[in-house]
């Protein structure tokens, strides 16, 4: 690999997982995102992905958690951070952590 190829590579994305009550996961996810923005040095270079495990979410709903208004409020708050776009949300059909946050950025 040439030196120019090495410098053109993007950094590995940052990945965190969250589990527990839905509203707490969203609060923890938002806090982690704020910390990642400080670490990366700005929001204009960030791309976000949130993966939600549908089986785990279903268990949380059966335990009494509610999606709304928590999800809508969460997206509203993210909109105030000046991100270039709202996060992409991928719904996973397999069990796992309730939410996974992936933060990618370009230098």
N, C-alpha and C. Protein backbone atom coordinates (compact mmCIF):
# COMPACT_ATOMS: atom_id res chain seq x y z
N UNK A 1 0.85 -1.18 0.00
CA UNK A 1 0.00 0.00 0.00
C UNK A 1 0.89 1.23 0.00
N UNK A 2 0.61 2.17 -0.84
CA UNK A 2 1.41 3.39 -0.90
C UNK A 2 1.03 4.33 0.23
N UNK A 3 1.89 5.28 0.48
CA UNK A 3 1.65 6.25 1.55
C UNK A 3 0.36 7.03 1.29
N UNK A 4 0.08 7.39 0.04
CA UNK A 4 -1.14 8.16 -0.26
C UNK A 4 -2.40 7.31 -0.01
N UNK A 5 -2.33 5.98 -0.27
CA UNK A 5 -3.46 5.11 0.03
C UNK A 5 -3.71 5.04 1.53
N UNK A 6 -2.63 5.00 2.31
CA UNK A 6 -2.74 4.91 3.76
C UNK A 6 -3.39 6.17 4.33
N UNK A 7 -3.05 7.34 3.83
CA UNK A 7 -3.61 8.58 4.35
C UNK A 7 -5.05 8.78 3.90
N UNK A 8 -5.47 8.11 2.82
CA UNK A 8 -6.83 8.26 2.32
C UNK A 8 -7.83 7.39 3.07
N UNK A 9 -7.34 6.43 3.87
CA UNK A 9 -8.24 5.55 4.60
C UNK A 9 -9.00 6.31 5.67
N UNK A 10 -10.24 5.97 5.82
CA UNK A 10 -11.05 6.58 6.88
C UNK A 10 -10.77 5.88 8.20
N UNK A 11 -10.92 6.61 9.31
CA UNK A 11 -10.74 5.97 10.62
C UNK A 11 -11.84 4.94 10.86
N UNK A 12 -11.54 3.95 11.68
CA UNK A 12 -12.54 2.96 12.06
C UNK A 12 -13.70 3.65 12.78
N UNK A 13 -14.93 3.25 12.52
CA UNK A 13 -16.06 3.87 13.23
C UNK A 13 -16.03 3.53 14.71
N UNK A 14 -16.63 4.39 15.49
CA UNK A 14 -16.80 4.16 16.92
C UNK A 14 -18.13 3.45 17.12
N UNK A 15 -18.16 2.45 17.99
CA UNK A 15 -19.37 1.64 18.18
C UNK A 15 -19.64 1.47 19.67
N UNK A 16 -20.87 1.74 20.08
CA UNK A 16 -21.31 1.52 21.45
C UNK A 16 -22.64 0.77 21.43
N UNK A 17 -22.88 -0.05 22.44
CA UNK A 17 -24.16 -0.73 22.56
C UNK A 17 -24.85 -0.28 23.84
N UNK A 18 -26.18 -0.34 23.81
CA UNK A 18 -27.00 0.11 24.93
C UNK A 18 -28.10 -0.91 25.16
N UNK A 19 -28.38 -1.17 26.42
CA UNK A 19 -29.44 -2.12 26.77
C UNK A 19 -30.14 -1.62 28.03
N UNK A 20 -31.36 -2.06 28.21
CA UNK A 20 -32.14 -1.65 29.38
C UNK A 20 -33.40 -0.95 28.94
N UNK A 21 -34.03 -0.19 29.84
CA UNK A 21 -35.25 0.53 29.49
C UNK A 21 -35.01 1.48 28.31
N UNK A 22 -36.00 1.56 27.44
CA UNK A 22 -35.89 2.30 26.19
C UNK A 22 -35.47 3.75 26.41
N UNK A 23 -36.15 4.46 27.31
CA UNK A 23 -35.84 5.88 27.52
C UNK A 23 -34.43 6.06 28.06
N UNK A 24 -33.99 5.17 28.94
CA UNK A 24 -32.63 5.27 29.47
C UNK A 24 -31.62 5.02 28.36
N UNK A 25 -31.90 4.06 27.49
CA UNK A 25 -31.00 3.79 26.36
C UNK A 25 -30.87 5.02 25.47
N UNK A 26 -31.98 5.68 25.20
CA UNK A 26 -31.94 6.88 24.36
C UNK A 26 -31.13 7.99 25.03
N UNK A 27 -31.31 8.17 26.34
CA UNK A 27 -30.54 9.18 27.07
C UNK A 27 -29.06 8.86 27.05
N UNK A 28 -28.71 7.60 27.27
CA UNK A 28 -27.31 7.19 27.23
C UNK A 28 -26.73 7.33 25.83
N UNK A 29 -27.51 6.99 24.82
CA UNK A 29 -27.07 7.12 23.44
C UNK A 29 -26.80 8.59 23.11
N UNK A 30 -27.68 9.47 23.53
CA UNK A 30 -27.50 10.90 23.26
C UNK A 30 -26.27 11.43 23.98
N UNK A 31 -26.07 11.03 25.22
CA UNK A 31 -24.89 11.46 25.97
C UNK A 31 -23.61 10.98 25.27
N UNK A 32 -23.61 9.74 24.83
CA UNK A 32 -22.45 9.19 24.14
C UNK A 32 -22.20 9.92 22.83
N UNK A 33 -23.25 10.26 22.12
CA UNK A 33 -23.11 11.01 20.87
C UNK A 33 -22.48 12.37 21.13
N UNK A 34 -22.92 13.06 22.17
CA UNK A 34 -22.32 14.37 22.50
C UNK A 34 -20.83 14.22 22.76
N UNK A 35 -20.46 13.17 23.51
CA UNK A 35 -19.04 12.94 23.80
C UNK A 35 -18.26 12.61 22.52
N UNK A 36 -18.87 11.84 21.63
CA UNK A 36 -18.20 11.50 20.37
C UNK A 36 -18.00 12.75 19.51
N UNK A 37 -18.96 13.66 19.50
CA UNK A 37 -18.82 14.88 18.72
C UNK A 37 -17.65 15.70 19.23
N UNK A 38 -17.47 15.76 20.54
CA UNK A 38 -16.32 16.48 21.11
C UNK A 38 -15.02 15.78 20.72
N UNK A 39 -15.01 14.46 20.80
CA UNK A 39 -13.82 13.69 20.48
C UNK A 39 -13.43 13.85 19.00
N UNK A 40 -14.43 13.82 18.12
CA UNK A 40 -14.16 13.92 16.68
C UNK A 40 -13.84 15.36 16.30
N UNK A 41 -14.40 16.31 17.03
CA UNK A 41 -14.07 17.70 16.78
C UNK A 41 -15.06 18.46 15.92
N UNK A 42 -16.26 17.97 15.79
CA UNK A 42 -17.27 18.71 15.03
C UNK A 42 -18.31 17.78 14.45
N UNK A 43 -19.46 18.34 14.17
CA UNK A 43 -20.57 17.52 13.67
C UNK A 43 -20.61 17.43 12.15
N UNK A 44 -19.96 18.33 11.47
CA UNK A 44 -20.08 18.34 10.01
C UNK A 44 -19.45 17.13 9.35
N UNK A 45 -18.57 16.43 10.08
CA UNK A 45 -17.87 15.28 9.51
C UNK A 45 -18.43 13.94 9.97
N UNK A 46 -19.56 13.97 10.67
CA UNK A 46 -20.10 12.76 11.31
C UNK A 46 -21.23 12.15 10.50
N UNK A 47 -21.23 10.83 10.43
CA UNK A 47 -22.37 10.06 9.90
C UNK A 47 -22.77 9.08 11.00
N UNK A 48 -24.07 8.98 11.25
CA UNK A 48 -24.57 8.15 12.34
C UNK A 48 -25.43 7.00 11.84
N UNK A 49 -25.31 5.89 12.53
CA UNK A 49 -26.18 4.75 12.32
C UNK A 49 -26.63 4.28 13.69
N UNK A 50 -27.93 4.05 13.84
CA UNK A 50 -28.47 3.44 15.05
C UNK A 50 -29.13 2.14 14.63
N UNK A 51 -28.68 1.06 15.24
CA UNK A 51 -29.30 -0.24 15.00
C UNK A 51 -30.18 -0.56 16.19
N UNK A 52 -31.42 -0.95 15.91
CA UNK A 52 -32.37 -1.35 16.95
C UNK A 52 -32.71 -2.82 16.77
N UNK A 53 -32.54 -3.60 17.81
CA UNK A 53 -32.91 -5.02 17.77
C UNK A 53 -34.42 -5.12 17.99
N UNK A 54 -35.14 -5.56 16.97
CA UNK A 54 -36.60 -5.64 17.08
C UNK A 54 -37.06 -6.65 18.14
N UNK A 55 -36.44 -7.84 18.25
CA UNK A 55 -36.88 -8.75 19.33
C UNK A 55 -36.65 -8.16 20.72
N UNK A 56 -35.52 -7.48 20.90
CA UNK A 56 -35.24 -6.86 22.20
C UNK A 56 -36.20 -5.70 22.45
N UNK A 57 -36.47 -4.92 21.42
CA UNK A 57 -37.43 -3.82 21.56
C UNK A 57 -38.81 -4.36 21.91
N UNK A 58 -39.20 -5.45 21.28
CA UNK A 58 -40.50 -6.05 21.58
C UNK A 58 -40.57 -6.48 23.05
N UNK A 59 -39.50 -7.06 23.56
CA UNK A 59 -39.48 -7.45 24.99
C UNK A 59 -39.58 -6.21 25.89
N UNK A 60 -38.94 -5.12 25.50
CA UNK A 60 -39.02 -3.89 26.30
C UNK A 60 -40.46 -3.35 26.28
N UNK A 61 -41.12 -3.44 25.13
CA UNK A 61 -42.51 -2.97 25.04
C UNK A 61 -43.42 -3.85 25.89
N UNK A 62 -43.18 -5.16 25.89
CA UNK A 62 -43.96 -6.07 26.72
C UNK A 62 -43.72 -5.81 28.20
N UNK A 63 -42.55 -5.27 28.54
CA UNK A 63 -42.24 -4.95 29.94
C UNK A 63 -42.82 -3.59 30.35
N UNK A 64 -43.44 -2.89 29.39
CA UNK A 64 -44.11 -1.63 29.72
C UNK A 64 -43.45 -0.38 29.17
N UNK A 65 -42.32 -0.51 28.51
CA UNK A 65 -41.70 0.66 27.90
C UNK A 65 -42.57 1.17 26.75
N UNK A 66 -42.47 2.46 26.49
CA UNK A 66 -43.21 3.06 25.38
C UNK A 66 -42.23 3.69 24.41
N UNK A 67 -42.58 3.61 23.12
CA UNK A 67 -41.74 4.23 22.10
C UNK A 67 -41.94 5.74 22.05
N UNK A 68 -43.18 6.14 22.13
CA UNK A 68 -43.50 7.57 22.02
C UNK A 68 -43.97 8.08 23.37
N UNK A 69 -43.63 9.27 23.74
CA UNK A 69 -42.98 10.31 22.93
C UNK A 69 -41.46 10.25 22.95
N UNK A 70 -40.85 9.27 23.63
CA UNK A 70 -39.39 9.25 23.81
C UNK A 70 -38.63 9.29 22.49
N UNK A 71 -39.04 8.47 21.50
CA UNK A 71 -38.32 8.42 20.24
C UNK A 71 -38.43 9.75 19.49
N UNK A 72 -39.62 10.31 19.42
CA UNK A 72 -39.81 11.60 18.74
C UNK A 72 -39.02 12.71 19.42
N UNK A 73 -39.04 12.74 20.75
CA UNK A 73 -38.28 13.75 21.49
C UNK A 73 -36.78 13.58 21.24
N UNK A 74 -36.31 12.34 21.20
CA UNK A 74 -34.91 12.04 20.95
C UNK A 74 -34.49 12.59 19.58
N UNK A 75 -35.28 12.32 18.54
CA UNK A 75 -34.96 12.80 17.20
C UNK A 75 -34.99 14.33 17.14
N UNK A 76 -35.93 14.94 17.86
CA UNK A 76 -35.98 16.41 17.91
C UNK A 76 -34.70 16.98 18.52
N UNK A 77 -34.24 16.37 19.61
CA UNK A 77 -33.01 16.84 20.25
C UNK A 77 -31.81 16.67 19.32
N UNK A 78 -31.73 15.54 18.62
CA UNK A 78 -30.62 15.33 17.70
C UNK A 78 -30.61 16.39 16.60
N UNK A 79 -31.80 16.81 16.18
CA UNK A 79 -31.89 17.83 15.15
C UNK A 79 -31.29 19.16 15.56
N UNK A 80 -31.16 19.40 16.85
CA UNK A 80 -30.59 20.67 17.36
C UNK A 80 -29.07 20.66 17.41
N UNK A 81 -28.45 19.52 17.19
CA UNK A 81 -26.99 19.44 17.27
C UNK A 81 -26.28 19.91 16.01
N UNK A 82 -27.02 20.18 14.96
CA UNK A 82 -26.40 20.64 13.73
C UNK A 82 -25.79 19.54 12.89
N UNK A 83 -26.25 18.30 13.10
CA UNK A 83 -25.74 17.19 12.31
C UNK A 83 -26.09 17.38 10.84
N UNK A 84 -25.24 16.90 9.94
CA UNK A 84 -25.56 17.04 8.52
C UNK A 84 -26.83 16.29 8.12
N UNK A 85 -27.16 15.23 8.85
CA UNK A 85 -28.39 14.46 8.59
C UNK A 85 -28.75 13.70 9.86
N UNK A 86 -30.03 13.41 10.01
CA UNK A 86 -30.44 12.56 11.13
C UNK A 86 -29.84 11.17 10.94
N UNK A 87 -29.71 10.42 12.02
CA UNK A 87 -29.08 9.10 11.89
C UNK A 87 -29.91 8.16 11.03
N UNK A 88 -29.21 7.29 10.35
CA UNK A 88 -29.88 6.19 9.66
C UNK A 88 -30.24 5.18 10.74
N UNK A 89 -31.43 4.63 10.67
CA UNK A 89 -31.87 3.64 11.65
C UNK A 89 -32.06 2.31 10.93
N UNK A 90 -31.38 1.29 11.42
CA UNK A 90 -31.50 -0.04 10.84
C UNK A 90 -32.15 -0.94 11.88
N UNK A 91 -33.21 -1.62 11.48
CA UNK A 91 -33.94 -2.52 12.37
C UNK A 91 -33.41 -3.94 12.16
N UNK A 92 -32.88 -4.52 13.24
CA UNK A 92 -32.29 -5.84 13.15
C UNK A 92 -33.30 -6.90 13.58
N UNK A 93 -33.41 -8.00 12.83
CA UNK A 93 -34.38 -9.04 13.18
C UNK A 93 -33.88 -10.00 14.26
N UNK A 94 -32.62 -9.90 14.65
CA UNK A 94 -32.08 -10.83 15.64
C UNK A 94 -31.98 -10.16 17.01
N UNK A 95 -32.06 -10.98 18.08
CA UNK A 95 -31.89 -10.44 19.43
C UNK A 95 -30.47 -9.93 19.63
N UNK A 96 -30.34 -9.04 20.54
CA UNK A 96 -29.03 -8.47 20.88
C UNK A 96 -29.26 -7.27 21.77
N UNK A 97 -28.26 -6.39 21.87
CA UNK A 97 -28.48 -5.17 22.63
C UNK A 97 -29.62 -4.38 22.01
N UNK A 98 -30.34 -3.66 22.83
CA UNK A 98 -31.48 -2.88 22.32
C UNK A 98 -31.04 -1.92 21.22
N UNK A 99 -29.97 -1.18 21.48
CA UNK A 99 -29.52 -0.18 20.50
C UNK A 99 -28.00 -0.25 20.36
N UNK A 100 -27.57 0.00 19.15
CA UNK A 100 -26.14 0.14 18.86
C UNK A 100 -25.95 1.44 18.12
N UNK A 101 -25.03 2.26 18.61
CA UNK A 101 -24.71 3.52 17.96
C UNK A 101 -23.38 3.35 17.24
N UNK A 102 -23.37 3.69 15.95
CA UNK A 102 -22.15 3.67 15.15
C UNK A 102 -21.90 5.10 14.68
N UNK A 103 -20.73 5.62 15.02
CA UNK A 103 -20.34 6.97 14.62
C UNK A 103 -19.15 6.84 13.66
N UNK A 104 -19.37 7.28 12.44
CA UNK A 104 -18.29 7.30 11.45
C UNK A 104 -17.99 8.77 11.13
N UNK A 105 -16.75 9.03 10.76
CA UNK A 105 -16.39 10.40 10.43
C UNK A 105 -15.26 10.39 9.43
N UNK A 106 -15.13 11.52 8.79
CA UNK A 106 -14.00 11.68 7.88
C UNK A 106 -13.09 12.75 8.48
N UNK A 107 -11.78 12.53 8.37
CA UNK A 107 -10.82 13.48 8.96
C UNK A 107 -10.86 14.82 8.26
